[in-house]
PDB file of all heavy atoms in Angstrom:
ATOM      1  N   LEU A   1       0.831  -1.208   0.000  1.00  0.00           N
ATOM      2  CA  LEU A   1       0.000   0.000   0.000  1.00  0.00           C
ATOM      3  C   LEU A   1       0.861   1.252   0.000  1.00  0.00           C
ATOM      4  O   LEU A   1       0.530   2.243  -0.670  1.00  0.00           O
ATOM      5  CB  LEU A   1      -0.939  -0.004   1.214  1.00  0.00           C
ATOM      6  CG  LEU A   1      -1.863  -1.210   1.347  1.00  0.00           C
ATOM      7  CD1 LEU A   1      -2.899  -0.963   2.429  1.00  0.00           C
ATOM      8  CD2 LEU A   1      -2.535  -1.565   0.030  1.00  0.00           C
ATOM      9  N   ALA A   2       1.966   1.211   0.718  1.00  0.00           N
ATOM     10  CA  ALA A   2       2.887   2.349   0.684  1.00  0.00           C
ATOM     11  C   ALA A   2       3.445   2.549  -0.723  1.00  0.00           C
ATOM     12  O   ALA A   2       3.569   3.683  -1.201  1.00  0.00           O
ATOM     13  CB  ALA A   2       4.026   2.128   1.677  1.00  0.00           C
ATOM     14  N   ALA A   3       3.770   1.454  -1.396  1.00  0.00           N
ATOM     15  CA  ALA A   3       4.285   1.549  -2.763  1.00  0.00           C
ATOM     16  C   ALA A   3       3.241   2.121  -3.711  1.00  0.00           C
ATOM     17  O   ALA A   3       3.563   2.909  -4.605  1.00  0.00           O
ATOM     18  CB  ALA A   3       4.747   0.172  -3.250  1.00  0.00           C
ATOM     19  N   LEU A   4       1.989   1.749  -3.530  1.00  0.00           N
ATOM     20  CA  LEU A   4       0.918   2.303  -4.351  1.00  0.00           C
ATOM     21  C   LEU A   4       0.755   3.801  -4.113  1.00  0.00           C
ATOM     22  O   LEU A   4       0.546   4.578  -5.054  1.00  0.00           O
ATOM     23  CB  LEU A   4      -0.406   1.573  -4.064  1.00  0.00           C
ATOM     24  CG  LEU A   4      -0.494   0.127  -4.534  1.00  0.00           C
ATOM     25  CD1 LEU A   4      -1.723  -0.550  -3.940  1.00  0.00           C
ATOM     26  CD2 LEU A   4      -0.532   0.047  -6.057  1.00  0.00           C
ATOM     27  N   LEU A   5       0.852   4.213  -2.859  1.00  0.00           N
ATOM     28  CA  LEU A   5       0.730   5.639  -2.539  1.00  0.00           C
ATOM     29  C   LEU A   5       1.859   6.436  -3.181  1.00  0.00           C
ATOM     30  O   LEU A   5       1.635   7.506  -3.747  1.00  0.00           O
ATOM     31  CB  LEU A   5       0.735   5.828  -1.023  1.00  0.00           C
ATOM     32  CG  LEU A   5      -0.540   5.421  -0.278  1.00  0.00           C
ATOM     33  CD1 LEU A   5      -0.287   5.388   1.220  1.00  0.00           C
ATOM     34  CD2 LEU A   5      -1.677   6.379  -0.602  1.00  0.00           C
ATOM     35  N   VAL A   6       3.080   5.901  -3.086  1.00  0.00           N
ATOM     36  CA  VAL A   6       4.230   6.586  -3.687  1.00  0.00           C
ATOM     37  C   VAL A   6       4.048   6.693  -5.201  1.00  0.00           C
ATOM     38  O   VAL A   6       4.429   7.694  -5.822  1.00  0.00           O
ATOM     39  CB  VAL A   6       5.531   5.843  -3.349  1.00  0.00           C
ATOM     40  CG1 VAL A   6       6.697   6.361  -4.182  1.00  0.00           C
ATOM     41  CG2 VAL A   6       5.845   5.985  -1.862  1.00  0.00           C
ATOM     42  N   ALA A   7       3.423   5.675  -5.810  1.00  0.00           N
ATOM     43  CA  ALA A   7       3.189   5.680  -7.253  1.00  0.00           C
ATOM     44  C   ALA A   7       2.022   6.571  -7.650  1.00  0.00           C
ATOM     45  O   ALA A   7       1.759   6.754  -8.845  1.00  0.00           O
ATOM     46  CB  ALA A   7       2.933   4.258  -7.742  1.00  0.00           C
ATOM     47  N   GLY A   8       1.312   7.126  -6.672  1.00  0.00           N
ATOM     48  CA  GLY A   8       0.190   8.008  -6.972  1.00  0.00           C
ATOM     49  C   GLY A   8      -1.043   7.277  -7.443  1.00  0.00           C
ATOM     50  O   GLY A   8      -1.842   7.840  -8.206  1.00  0.00           O
ATOM     51  N   LEU A   9      -1.236   6.033  -6.968  1.00  0.00           N
ATOM     52  CA  LEU A   9      -2.403   5.239  -7.356  1.00  0.00           C
ATOM     53  C   LEU A   9      -3.359   5.152  -6.176  1.00  0.00           C
ATOM     54  O   LEU A   9      -3.031   4.569  -5.132  1.00  0.00           O
ATOM     55  CB  LEU A   9      -1.976   3.836  -7.795  1.00  0.00           C
ATOM     56  CG  LEU A   9      -1.104   3.771  -9.053  1.00  0.00           C
ATOM     57  CD1 LEU A   9      -0.556   2.367  -9.255  1.00  0.00           C
ATOM     58  CD2 LEU A   9      -1.900   4.219 -10.291  1.00  0.00           C
ATOM     59  N   ASP A  10      -4.545   5.740  -6.340  1.00  0.00           N
ATOM     60  CA  ASP A  10      -5.525   5.671  -5.270  1.00  0.00           C
ATOM     61  C   ASP A  10      -6.152   4.270  -5.249  1.00  0.00           C
ATOM     62  O   ASP A  10      -5.830   3.426  -6.094  1.00  0.00           O
ATOM     63  CB  ASP A  10      -6.563   6.796  -5.405  1.00  0.00           C
ATOM     64  CG  ASP A  10      -7.500   6.646  -6.597  1.00  0.00           C
ATOM     65  OD1 ASP A  10      -7.725   5.515  -7.087  1.00  0.00           O
ATOM     66  OD2 ASP A  10      -8.041   7.677  -7.057  1.00  0.00           O
ATOM     67  N   PRO A  11      -7.028   3.973  -4.273  1.00  0.00           N
ATOM     68  CA  PRO A  11      -7.530   2.608  -4.151  1.00  0.00           C
ATOM     69  C   PRO A  11      -8.140   2.023  -5.422  1.00  0.00           C
ATOM     70  O   PRO A  11      -7.828   0.881  -5.797  1.00  0.00           O
ATOM     71  CB  PRO A  11      -8.566   2.727  -3.031  1.00  0.00           C
ATOM     72  CG  PRO A  11      -8.016   3.793  -2.148  1.00  0.00           C
ATOM     73  CD  PRO A  11      -7.426   4.800  -3.103  1.00  0.00           C
ATOM     74  N   VAL A  12      -9.011   2.760  -6.092  1.00  0.00           N
ATOM     75  CA  VAL A  12      -9.636   2.189  -7.284  1.00  0.00           C
ATOM     76  C   VAL A  12      -8.674   2.203  -8.464  1.00  0.00           C
ATOM     77  O   VAL A  12      -8.651   1.276  -9.280  1.00  0.00           O
ATOM     78  CB  VAL A  12     -10.979   2.892  -7.604  1.00  0.00           C
ATOM     79  CG1 VAL A  12     -10.792   4.331  -7.973  1.00  0.00           C
ATOM     80  CG2 VAL A  12     -11.752   2.138  -8.689  1.00  0.00           C
ATOM     81  N   GLU A  13      -7.830   3.222  -8.565  1.00  0.00           N
ATOM     82  CA  GLU A  13      -6.816   3.254  -9.627  1.00  0.00           C
ATOM     83  C   GLU A  13      -5.854   2.082  -9.502  1.00  0.00           C
ATOM     84  O   GLU A  13      -5.371   1.553 -10.507  1.00  0.00           O
ATOM     85  CB  GLU A  13      -6.037   4.567  -9.579  1.00  0.00           C
ATOM     86  CG  GLU A  13      -6.838   5.780 -10.006  1.00  0.00           C
ATOM     87  CD  GLU A  13      -6.108   7.076  -9.694  1.00  0.00           C
ATOM     88  OE1 GLU A  13      -5.025   7.038  -9.086  1.00  0.00           O
ATOM     89  OE2 GLU A  13      -6.656   8.144 -10.061  1.00  0.00           O
ATOM     90  N   SER A  14      -5.568   1.684  -8.266  1.00  0.00           N
ATOM     91  CA  SER A  14      -4.653   0.560  -8.082  1.00  0.00           C
ATOM     92  C   SER A  14      -5.238  -0.715  -8.687  1.00  0.00           C
ATOM     93  O   SER A  14      -4.507  -1.526  -9.272  1.00  0.00           O
ATOM     94  CB  SER A  14      -4.348   0.360  -6.592  1.00  0.00           C
ATOM     95  OG  SER A  14      -5.469  -0.148  -5.886  1.00  0.00           O
ATOM     96  N   LEU A  15      -6.550  -0.880  -8.591  1.00  0.00           N
ATOM     97  CA  LEU A  15      -7.196  -2.056  -9.171  1.00  0.00           C
ATOM     98  C   LEU A  15      -7.297  -1.951 -10.689  1.00  0.00           C
ATOM     99  O   LEU A  15      -7.016  -2.911 -11.410  1.00  0.00           O
ATOM    100  CB  LEU A  15      -8.594  -2.236  -8.576  1.00  0.00           C
ATOM    101  CG  LEU A  15      -8.679  -2.448  -7.066  1.00  0.00           C
ATOM    102  CD1 LEU A  15     -10.133  -2.680  -6.654  1.00  0.00           C
ATOM    103  CD2 LEU A  15      -7.816  -3.614  -6.622  1.00  0.00           C
ATOM    104  N   VAL A  16      -7.702  -0.803 -11.177  1.00  0.00           N
ATOM    105  CA  VAL A  16      -7.834  -0.615 -12.627  1.00  0.00           C
ATOM    106  C   VAL A  16      -6.488  -0.828 -13.310  1.00  0.00           C
ATOM    107  O   VAL A  16      -6.386  -1.500 -14.343  1.00  0.00           O
ATOM    108  CB  VAL A  16      -8.403   0.776 -12.951  1.00  0.00           C
ATOM    109  CG1 VAL A  16      -8.426   1.004 -14.460  1.00  0.00           C
ATOM    110  CG2 VAL A  16      -9.815   0.930 -12.379  1.00  0.00           C
ATOM    111  N   SER A  17      -5.430  -0.267 -12.740  1.00  0.00           N
ATOM    112  CA  SER A  17      -4.102  -0.407 -13.352  1.00  0.00           C
ATOM    113  C   SER A  17      -3.588  -1.829 -13.272  1.00  0.00           C
ATOM    114  O   SER A  17      -2.872  -2.294 -14.161  1.00  0.00           O
ATOM    115  CB  SER A  17      -3.107   0.553 -12.675  1.00  0.00           C
ATOM    116  OG  SER A  17      -2.930   0.236 -11.305  1.00  0.00           O
ATOM    117  N   PHE A  18      -3.964  -2.557 -12.217  1.00  0.00           N
ATOM    118  CA  PHE A  18      -3.531  -3.953 -12.079  1.00  0.00           C
ATOM    119  C   PHE A  18      -4.278  -4.842 -13.078  1.00  0.00           C
ATOM    120  O   PHE A  18      -3.694  -5.729 -13.699  1.00  0.00           O
ATOM    121  CB  PHE A  18      -3.776  -4.420 -10.644  1.00  0.00           C
ATOM    122  CG  PHE A  18      -2.791  -5.432 -10.138  1.00  0.00           C
ATOM    123  CD1 PHE A  18      -1.513  -5.526 -10.656  1.00  0.00           C
ATOM    124  CD2 PHE A  18      -3.140  -6.286  -9.106  1.00  0.00           C
ATOM    125  CE1 PHE A  18      -0.600  -6.458 -10.173  1.00  0.00           C
ATOM    126  CE2 PHE A  18      -2.247  -7.218  -8.609  1.00  0.00           C
ATOM    127  CZ  PHE A  18      -0.970  -7.316  -9.137  1.00  0.00           C
ATOM    128  N   ALA A  19      -5.578  -4.579 -13.226  1.00  0.00           N
ATOM    129  CA  ALA A  19      -6.346  -5.324 -14.228  1.00  0.00           C
ATOM    130  C   ALA A  19      -5.806  -5.048 -15.626  1.00  0.00           C
ATOM    131  O   ALA A  19      -5.792  -5.937 -16.493  1.00  0.00           O
ATOM    132  CB  ALA A  19      -7.824  -4.941 -14.151  1.00  0.00           C
ATOM    133  N   ALA A  20      -5.322  -3.842 -15.849  1.00  0.00           N
ATOM    134  CA  ALA A  20      -4.857  -3.431 -17.176  1.00  0.00           C
ATOM    135  C   ALA A  20      -3.595  -4.157 -17.614  1.00  0.00           C
ATOM    136  O   ALA A  20      -3.296  -4.214 -18.807  1.00  0.00           O
ATOM    137  CB  ALA A  20      -4.614  -1.921 -17.198  1.00  0.00           C
ATOM    138  N   ILE A  21      -2.843  -4.729 -16.662  1.00  0.00           N
ATOM    139  CA  ILE A  21      -1.661  -5.513 -17.037  1.00  0.00           C
ATOM    140  C   ILE A  21      -1.968  -7.010 -17.038  1.00  0.00           C
ATOM    141  O   ILE A  21      -1.064  -7.834 -17.207  1.00  0.00           O
ATOM    142  CB  ILE A  21      -0.454  -5.220 -16.124  1.00  0.00           C
ATOM    143  CG1 ILE A  21      -0.718  -5.686 -14.689  1.00  0.00           C
ATOM    144  CG2 ILE A  21      -0.086  -3.743 -16.174  1.00  0.00           C
ATOM    145  CD1 ILE A  21       0.542  -5.687 -13.824  1.00  0.00           C
ATOM    146  N   GLY A  22      -3.238  -7.369 -16.831  1.00  0.00           N
ATOM    147  CA  GLY A  22      -3.640  -8.768 -16.895  1.00  0.00           C
ATOM    148  C   GLY A  22      -3.421  -9.542 -15.612  1.00  0.00           C
ATOM    149  O   GLY A  22      -3.390 -10.779 -15.636  1.00  0.00           O
ATOM    150  N   ALA A  23      -3.290  -8.852 -14.470  1.00  0.00           N
ATOM    151  CA  ALA A  23      -3.084  -9.553 -13.199  1.00  0.00           C
ATOM    152  C   ALA A  23      -4.287 -10.416 -12.834  1.00  0.00           C
ATOM    153  O   ALA A  23      -4.144 -11.467 -12.208  1.00  0.00           O
ATOM    154  CB  ALA A  23      -2.800  -8.549 -12.091  1.00  0.00           C
ATOM    155  N   ALA A  24      -5.465  -9.969 -13.209  1.00  0.00           N
ATOM    156  CA  ALA A  24      -6.707 -10.731 -13.032  1.00  0.00           C
ATOM    157  C   ALA A  24      -7.767 -10.045 -13.879  1.00  0.00           C
ATOM    158  O   ALA A  24      -7.568  -8.941 -14.390  1.00  0.00           O
ATOM    159  CB  ALA A  24      -7.137 -10.790 -11.562  1.00  0.00           C
ATOM    160  N   SER A  25      -8.903 -10.698 -14.020  1.00  0.00           N
ATOM    161  CA  SER A  25      -9.965 -10.147 -14.846  1.00  0.00           C
ATOM    162  C   SER A  25     -10.612  -8.940 -14.176  1.00  0.00           C
ATOM    163  O   SER A  25     -10.594  -8.808 -12.944  1.00  0.00           O
ATOM    164  CB  SER A  25     -11.035 -11.209 -15.101  1.00  0.00           C
ATOM    165  OG  SER A  25     -11.684 -11.567 -13.888  1.00  0.00           O
ATOM    166  N   VAL A  26     -11.173  -8.074 -14.994  1.00  0.00           N
ATOM    167  CA  VAL A  26     -11.900  -6.926 -14.460  1.00  0.00           C
ATOM    168  C   VAL A  26     -13.023  -7.396 -13.539  1.00  0.00           C
ATOM    169  O   VAL A  26     -13.268  -6.805 -12.476  1.00  0.00           O
ATOM    170  CB  VAL A  26     -12.457  -6.057 -15.608  1.00  0.00           C
ATOM    171  CG1 VAL A  26     -13.407  -4.987 -15.065  1.00  0.00           C
ATOM    172  CG2 VAL A  26     -11.314  -5.414 -16.395  1.00  0.00           C
ATOM    173  N   GLU A  27     -13.691  -8.478 -13.917  1.00  0.00           N
ATOM    174  CA  GLU A  27     -14.805  -8.988 -13.106  1.00  0.00           C
ATOM    175  C   GLU A  27     -14.328  -9.374 -11.705  1.00  0.00           C
ATOM    176  O   GLU A  27     -15.032  -9.149 -10.712  1.00  0.00           O
ATOM    177  CB  GLU A  27     -15.446 -10.198 -13.785  1.00  0.00           C
ATOM    178  CG  GLU A  27     -16.216  -9.875 -15.057  1.00  0.00           C
ATOM    179  CD  GLU A  27     -15.305  -9.581 -16.243  1.00  0.00           C
ATOM    180  OE1 GLU A  27     -14.109  -9.990 -16.213  1.00  0.00           O
ATOM    181  OE2 GLU A  27     -15.771  -8.920 -17.194  1.00  0.00           O
ATOM    182  N   ARG A  28     -13.142  -9.953 -11.611  1.00  0.00           N
ATOM    183  CA  ARG A  28     -12.604 -10.327 -10.305  1.00  0.00           C
ATOM    184  C   ARG A  28     -12.352  -9.081  -9.462  1.00  0.00           C
ATOM    185  O   ARG A  28     -12.677  -9.035  -8.279  1.00  0.00           O
ATOM    186  CB  ARG A  28     -11.319 -11.124 -10.487  1.00  0.00           C
ATOM    187  CG  ARG A  28     -10.591 -11.477  -9.195  1.00  0.00           C
ATOM    188  CD  ARG A  28     -11.387 -12.380  -8.293  1.00  0.00           C
ATOM    189  NE  ARG A  28     -11.633 -13.691  -8.890  1.00  0.00           N
ATOM    190  CZ  ARG A  28     -12.262 -14.688  -8.275  1.00  0.00           C
ATOM    191  NH1 ARG A  28     -12.738 -14.501  -7.056  1.00  0.00           N
ATOM    192  NH2 ARG A  28     -12.448 -15.843  -8.874  1.00  0.00           N
ATOM    193  N   PHE A  29     -11.779  -8.047 -10.061  1.00  0.00           N
ATOM    194  CA  PHE A  29     -11.503  -6.828  -9.311  1.00  0.00           C
ATOM    195  C   PHE A  29     -12.786  -6.100  -8.934  1.00  0.00           C
ATOM    196  O   PHE A  29     -12.841  -5.405  -7.917  1.00  0.00           O
ATOM    197  CB  PHE A  29     -10.590  -5.906 -10.113  1.00  0.00           C
ATOM    198  CG  PHE A  29      -9.161  -6.372 -10.149  1.00  0.00           C
ATOM    199  CD1 PHE A  29      -8.597  -6.823 -11.332  1.00  0.00           C
ATOM    200  CD2 PHE A  29      -8.379  -6.347  -9.012  1.00  0.00           C
ATOM    201  CE1 PHE A  29      -7.270  -7.245 -11.367  1.00  0.00           C
ATOM    202  CE2 PHE A  29      -7.057  -6.768  -9.030  1.00  0.00           C
ATOM    203  CZ  PHE A  29      -6.505  -7.214 -10.218  1.00  0.00           C
TER     204      PHE A  29
END
C-alpha cells in the first residue's frame, strides 16, 4: 500500500491499473 501511494495510485486506480496488465480479470476486481 505504501508503494501504491508513492506511485500516486488511489484505491480504485490501483485495481484498474492492475487489471490493465492482466493480473486478473476486471470482473474479479
